[in-house]
Protein backbone atom coordinates (compact mmCIF):
# COMPACT_ATOMS: atom_id res chain seq x y z
CA UNK A 1 0.00 0.00 0.00
CA UNK A 2 2.87 2.34 0.84
CA UNK A 3 4.46 1.63 -2.55
CA UNK A 4 1.17 2.43 -4.29
CA UNK A 5 0.96 5.76 -2.45
CA UNK A 6 4.48 6.65 -3.47
CA UNK A 7 3.67 6.00 -7.14
CA UNK A 8 0.85 8.53 -7.08
CA UNK A 9 1.44 11.96 -8.51
CA UNK A 10 1.85 14.65 -5.90
CA UNK A 11 -0.44 17.67 -5.81
CA UNK A 12 1.98 19.85 -7.79
CA UNK A 13 2.07 17.19 -10.55
CA UNK A 14 -1.70 17.07 -11.07
CA UNK A 15 -3.56 18.89 -13.87
CA UNK A 16 -4.70 22.47 -13.25
CA UNK A 17 -7.10 22.82 -10.31
CA UNK A 18 -10.41 24.37 -11.37
CA UNK A 19 -12.10 24.36 -7.96
CA UNK A 20 -11.33 23.16 -4.43
CA UNK A 21 -12.71 23.12 -0.90
CA UNK A 22 -13.77 20.82 1.91
CA UNK A 23 -16.50 18.26 1.21
CA UNK A 24 -17.93 15.43 3.23
CA UNK A 25 -17.74 12.34 1.03
CA UNK A 26 -19.51 9.02 1.28
CA UNK A 27 -19.62 6.44 -1.49
CA UNK A 28 -21.55 3.19 -1.65
CA UNK A 29 -18.39 1.47 -0.32
CA UNK A 30 -17.96 3.78 2.71
CA UNK A 31 -19.67 3.11 6.06
CA UNK A 32 -19.22 6.66 7.31
CA UNK A 33 -18.67 10.10 5.79
CA UNK A 34 -15.21 11.66 5.61
CA UNK A 35 -14.45 15.36 5.54
CA UNK A 36 -11.78 15.73 2.85
CA UNK A 37 -10.06 18.56 1.04
CA UNK A 38 -11.30 18.10 -2.53
CA UNK A 39 -9.67 19.38 -5.72
CA UNK A 40 -11.18 19.23 -9.19
CA UNK A 41 -8.07 18.85 -11.37
CA UNK A 42 -8.78 18.23 -15.04
CA UNK A 43 -11.71 15.80 -15.17
CA UNK A 44 -10.84 14.10 -11.85
CA UNK A 45 -11.75 14.79 -8.23
CA UNK A 46 -8.76 14.29 -5.93
CA UNK A 47 -9.28 13.90 -2.18
CA UNK A 48 -6.79 14.87 0.55
CA UNK A 49 -7.03 14.45 4.31
CA UNK A 50 -6.05 18.11 4.69
CA UNK A 51 -5.58 21.08 2.38
CA UNK A 52 -1.87 21.17 3.27
CA UNK A 53 -1.24 17.54 2.27
CA UNK A 54 0.70 16.80 -0.90
CA UNK A 55 -0.47 13.20 -1.42
CA UNK A 56 -4.10 12.42 -2.18
CA UNK A 57 -5.86 9.52 -0.49
CA UNK A 58 -8.49 8.85 -3.15
CA UNK A 59 -9.67 10.05 -6.55
CA UNK A 60 -12.80 9.91 -8.68
CA UNK A 61 -12.58 10.26 -12.46
CA UNK A 62 -15.51 11.90 -14.23
CA UNK A 63 -15.16 9.97 -17.50
CA UNK A 64 -18.19 7.84 -16.53
CA UNK A 65 -20.27 10.79 -15.34
CA UNK A 66 -24.06 10.46 -15.61
CA UNK A 67 -25.51 13.29 -13.50
CA UNK A 68 -25.12 15.48 -10.42
CA UNK A 69 -28.17 16.55 -8.41
CA UNK A 70 -29.35 17.76 -5.01
CA UNK A 71 -29.92 15.16 -2.32
CA UNK A 72 -33.36 15.95 -0.91
CA UNK A 73 -33.63 13.00 1.47
CA UNK A 74 -34.45 13.90 5.12
CA UNK A 75 -31.55 14.92 7.36
CA UNK A 76 -31.24 16.04 10.96
CA UNK A 77 -29.16 18.98 9.79
CA UNK A 78 -31.69 21.34 8.29
CA UNK A 79 -29.01 23.42 6.59
CA UNK A 80 -27.19 20.41 5.09
CA UNK A 81 -26.18 21.23 1.50
CA UNK A 82 -25.97 17.73 0.08
CA UNK A 83 -25.69 16.50 -3.49
CA UNK A 84 -25.29 13.17 -5.28
CA UNK A 85 -22.79 12.38 -8.02
CA UNK A 86 -24.15 9.59 -10.23
CA UNK A 87 -21.52 7.55 -12.06
CA UNK A 88 -21.93 4.38 -14.12
CA UNK A 89 -20.66 2.26 -11.23
CA UNK A 90 -22.69 3.89 -8.46
CA UNK A 91 -23.54 7.05 -6.49
CA UNK A 92 -21.20 9.12 -4.32
CA UNK A 93 -22.83 11.40 -1.76
CA UNK A 94 -21.32 14.77 -0.85
CA UNK A 95 -22.11 17.49 1.66
CA UNK A 96 -20.91 21.03 0.96
CA UNK A 97 -20.44 23.78 3.61
CA UNK A 98 -23.47 25.72 2.31
CA UNK A 99 -25.99 25.94 -0.54
CA UNK A 100 -23.85 28.33 -2.62
CA UNK A 101 -20.84 26.02 -2.41
CA UNK A 102 -23.08 23.12 -3.44
CA UNK A 103 -24.22 24.94 -6.59
CA UNK A 104 -20.63 25.81 -7.47
CA UNK A 105 -19.46 22.24 -6.99
CA UNK A 106 -22.32 20.92 -9.11
CA UNK A 107 -21.60 23.53 -11.77
CA UNK A 108 -17.87 22.77 -11.95
CA UNK A 109 -18.35 19.00 -12.01
CA UNK A 110 -21.00 19.06 -14.74
CA UNK A 111 -19.16 21.69 -16.81
CA UNK A 112 -15.96 19.64 -16.87
CA UNK A 113 -17.72 16.31 -17.44
CA UNK A 114 -19.89 17.59 -20.33
CA UNK A 115 -17.66 20.43 -21.58
CA UNK A 116 -20.60 22.81 -21.47
CA UNK A 117 -22.02 25.15 -18.82
CA UNK A 118 -25.26 23.82 -17.28
CA UNK A 119 -28.25 26.15 -17.48
CA UNK A 120 -30.32 24.77 -14.60
CA UNK A 121 -28.18 25.99 -11.69
CA UNK A 122 -28.85 29.02 -9.51
CA UNK A 123 -25.66 30.99 -10.19
CA UNK A 124 -24.71 34.64 -10.56
CA UNK A 125 -23.50 36.01 -13.93
CA UNK A 126 -19.93 36.21 -12.66
CA UNK A 127 -20.03 32.58 -11.56
CA UNK A 128 -21.40 31.49 -14.94
CA UNK A 129 -18.56 33.39 -16.63
CA UNK A 130 -16.10 31.54 -14.37
CA UNK A 131 -17.57 28.20 -15.46
CA UNK A 132 -17.22 29.17 -19.13
CA UNK A 133 -13.54 29.81 -18.55
CA UNK A 134 -13.22 26.41 -16.85
CA UNK A 135 -14.88 24.71 -19.84
CA UNK A 136 -12.45 26.41 -22.23
CA UNK A 137 -9.43 25.44 -20.10
CA UNK A 138 -10.60 21.82 -19.98
CA UNK A 139 -11.19 21.80 -23.75
CA UNK A 140 -7.66 23.07 -24.29
CA UNK A 141 -6.30 20.39 -21.95
CA UNK A 142 -8.21 17.62 -23.73
CA UNK A 143 -7.10 18.88 -27.14
CA UNK A 144 -3.46 18.79 -26.07
CA UNK A 145 -3.89 15.13 -25.11
CA UNK A 146 -5.91 14.17 -28.20
CA UNK A 147 -4.42 13.33 -31.64
CA UNK A 148 -4.33 16.21 -34.10
CA UNK A 149 -6.13 14.37 -36.88
CA UNK A 150 -9.35 12.43 -37.20
CA UNK A 151 -8.62 8.86 -38.27
CA UNK A 152 -10.87 6.32 -39.94
CA UNK A 153 -11.25 4.57 -36.56
CA UNK A 154 -12.68 7.66 -34.87
CA UNK A 155 -16.02 6.96 -33.15
CA UNK A 156 -17.23 10.41 -34.19
CA UNK A 157 -16.52 10.64 -37.92
CA UNK A 158 -15.63 7.34 -39.57
CA UNK A 159 -15.09 8.61 -43.12
CA UNK A 160 -15.03 11.89 -45.01
CA UNK A 161 -18.20 10.67 -46.72
CA UNK A 162 -20.01 11.00 -43.37
CA UNK A 163 -19.62 14.77 -43.54
CA UNK A 164 -22.61 16.92 -44.55
CA UNK A 165 -22.44 18.24 -48.10
CA UNK A 166 -21.96 21.78 -46.74
CA UNK A 167 -18.65 20.85 -45.05
CA UNK A 168 -15.76 22.91 -46.44
CA UNK A 169 -12.10 22.64 -45.48
CA UNK A 170 -11.65 26.39 -44.94
CA UNK A 171 -10.56 28.76 -42.19
CA UNK A 172 -12.79 31.28 -40.43
CA UNK A 173 -11.86 34.09 -42.81
CA UNK A 174 -12.06 31.85 -45.89
CA UNK A 175 -15.55 30.76 -44.81
CA UNK A 176 -16.73 34.38 -44.75
CA UNK A 177 -15.22 35.02 -48.19
CA UNK A 178 -16.83 31.88 -49.61
CA UNK A 179 -20.28 32.78 -48.29
CA UNK A 180 -19.84 36.34 -49.57
CA UNK A 181 -18.90 35.08 -53.03
CA UNK A 182 -21.70 32.48 -53.34
CA UNK A 183 -24.81 34.05 -51.70
CA UNK A 184 -27.22 32.31 -54.07
CA UNK A 185 -25.92 28.83 -53.21
CA UNK A 186 -26.37 29.05 -49.44
CA UNK A 187 -25.61 31.05 -46.32
CA UNK A 188 -24.44 28.34 -43.88
CA UNK A 189 -21.40 26.09 -43.92
CA UNK A 190 -19.63 23.64 -41.65
CA UNK A 191 -15.85 23.86 -41.28
CA UNK A 192 -13.02 22.59 -39.07
CA UNK A 193 -12.59 24.29 -35.70
CA UNK A 194 -9.45 26.24 -34.90
CA UNK A 195 -8.13 23.33 -32.79
CA UNK A 196 -8.69 20.83 -35.67
CA UNK A 197 -10.61 18.60 -33.24
CA UNK A 198 -13.94 20.41 -32.93
CA UNK A 199 -16.01 21.93 -35.75
CA UNK A 200 -17.54 25.33 -36.42
CA UNK A 201 -20.58 26.72 -38.20
CA UNK A 202 -20.31 29.98 -40.13
CA UNK A 203 -23.44 31.83 -41.28
CA UNK A 204 -24.06 34.92 -43.38
CA UNK A 205 -27.19 37.00 -42.76
CA UNK A 206 -28.47 40.15 -44.46
CA UNK A 207 -29.88 42.33 -41.69
CA UNK A 208 -29.19 46.08 -41.76
CA UNK A 209 -26.00 44.93 -43.41
CA UNK A 210 -24.13 41.69 -43.91
CA UNK A 211 -23.51 39.92 -40.59
CA UNK A 212 -21.31 36.83 -40.18
CA UNK A 213 -21.73 34.58 -37.16
CA UNK A 214 -19.60 31.67 -35.99
CA UNK A 215 -20.70 28.84 -33.68
CA UNK A 216 -18.52 26.18 -32.07
CA UNK A 217 -19.61 22.54 -32.45
CA UNK A 218 -17.84 20.41 -29.83
CA UNK A 219 -17.57 16.66 -29.59
CA UNK A 220 -18.95 14.78 -26.61
CA UNK A 221 -16.81 12.17 -24.90
CA UNK A 222 -19.51 9.53 -25.24
CA UNK A 223 -20.20 10.41 -28.89
CA UNK A 224 -22.31 13.06 -30.58
CA UNK A 225 -21.93 16.82 -30.71
CA UNK A 226 -22.92 19.99 -28.86
CA UNK A 227 -23.71 23.36 -30.44
CA UNK A 228 -22.13 25.72 -27.88
CA UNK A 229 -24.74 28.42 -27.39
CA UNK A 230 -26.33 29.80 -24.21
CA UNK A 231 -28.65 26.77 -24.08
CA UNK A 232 -26.37 24.03 -25.49
CA UNK A 233 -27.95 21.87 -28.19
CA UNK A 234 -27.07 18.16 -28.22
CA UNK A 235 -27.03 16.40 -31.60
CA UNK A 236 -26.21 12.81 -32.47
CA UNK A 237 -24.47 13.60 -35.79
CA UNK A 238 -23.16 16.55 -37.76
CA UNK A 239 -26.08 16.06 -40.16
CA UNK A 240 -28.38 16.65 -37.18
CA UNK A 241 -26.47 19.85 -36.37
CA UNK A 242 -27.20 21.23 -39.85
CA UNK A 243 -30.83 20.07 -39.76
CA UNK A 244 -31.36 21.75 -36.38
CA UNK A 245 -30.05 25.12 -37.60
CA UNK A 246 -32.13 25.01 -40.78
CA UNK A 247 -35.31 24.11 -38.89
CA UNK A 248 -34.62 26.55 -36.04
CA UNK A 249 -34.53 29.43 -38.55
CA UNK A 250 -37.55 28.15 -40.55
CA UNK A 251 -35.35 27.55 -43.55
CA UNK A 252 -33.72 30.99 -43.58
CA UNK A 253 -30.31 29.36 -43.16
CA UNK A 254 -29.50 27.25 -46.20
CA UNK A 255 -26.47 24.91 -46.43
CA UNK A 256 -23.85 26.08 -48.93
CA UNK A 257 -23.41 23.20 -51.38
CA UNK A 258 -20.94 23.97 -54.14
CA UNK A 259 -21.35 20.75 -56.12
CA UNK A 260 -23.26 21.39 -59.35
CA UNK A 261 -25.41 19.04 -61.45
CA UNK A 262 -23.77 16.19 -63.35
CA UNK A 263 -24.02 15.55 -67.10
CA UNK A 264 -25.88 12.40 -68.14
CA UNK A 265 -24.23 11.94 -71.55
CA UNK A 266 -20.60 11.45 -72.63
CA UNK A 267 -19.86 13.47 -75.76
CA UNK A 268 -17.08 12.47 -78.20
CA UNK A 269 -14.38 15.06 -78.87
CA UNK A 270 -15.48 16.32 -82.30
CA UNK A 271 -15.37 19.88 -83.51
CA UNK A 272 -18.35 21.20 -85.50
CA UNK A 273 -16.70 24.55 -86.22
CA UNK A 274 -15.18 25.05 -89.70
CA UNK A 275 -11.38 25.17 -89.75
CA UNK A 276 -11.42 28.75 -91.08
CA UNK A 277 -13.49 29.92 -88.09
CA UNK A 278 -11.23 28.02 -85.64
CA UNK A 279 -8.18 29.74 -87.13
CA UNK A 280 -9.87 33.14 -86.84
CA UNK A 281 -10.82 32.44 -83.22
CA UNK A 282 -7.26 31.37 -82.48
CA UNK A 283 -5.85 34.60 -83.89
CA UNK A 284 -8.46 36.64 -81.98
CA UNK A 285 -7.65 34.90 -78.70
CA UNK A 286 -3.94 35.46 -79.28
CA UNK A 287 -4.52 39.19 -79.81
CA UNK A 288 -6.74 39.39 -76.73
CA UNK A 289 -4.07 37.66 -74.62
CA UNK A 290 -1.47 40.19 -75.79
CA UNK A 291 -3.77 43.07 -74.82
CA UNK A 292 -4.40 41.58 -71.35
CA UNK A 293 -0.68 40.98 -70.81
CA UNK A 294 0.00 44.59 -71.75
CA UNK A 295 -2.60 45.83 -69.26
CA UNK A 296 -1.07 43.67 -66.52
CA UNK A 297 2.33 45.24 -67.16
CA UNK A 298 0.81 48.70 -66.79
CA UNK A 299 -1.48 48.09 -63.82
CA UNK A 300 0.61 45.62 -61.81
CA UNK A 301 -0.77 43.39 -59.00
CA UNK A 302 -3.53 44.55 -56.58
């Protein structure tokens, strides 16, 4: 047991701490509750006997997170701020110092586990902003650990063919230019995210002027995607993401699909223009090219 403790990473070797404080913890394996200094580092809760300790005594990874909710069962302590953390292998019960601390713990745990800020908690605007920063920090941490490319074995996107037809391999600025250049073909496209792991939606709208908007589409650990807006939207596939946006705007947003119609007949290479006309056209084109080249020499590049 001592050797196992020595192999554990010390507090200063753990991922960044997003939130910490004392919690009373009791799992389905514990007979009594323990008051432990608790640190949410990355997507793992680490437990210490005291806030000054360097070695943790237990940990709980959030990779199998299901839900976190208030514990409303009767208690002799009327002011007990209890909550339950539901994992795939069971429930862990916690008691926070007060109701505000309980909401913050629930918010941090759910934000890190789902990579989105929950909307059902009773939090102040400043606290919600803090949770958004935590979500972004955890996304950055996950992206640093994840591979930079999507392989054929990815559980999210198996093949390029699985992409919606409005997916374009362009940057944020290139997406705006493409939508500006092709307004009749659509005003919504899907593109890679800046981190090359997530995705993004770019839209073009004509209001009092042209307005471009960009929305992050994040992947969920268990599969599927989230449109990161104030009330996050969960979608099973990227096709569902596009469908949701089209239906939400009553068809105002239209996917930009560049692929044109295909010909149904293969024509042999045979000229129907008389040779005299072809020669005249060739001379005309040659003269036109000389004129254009001359203008380029005068005007130079833009």
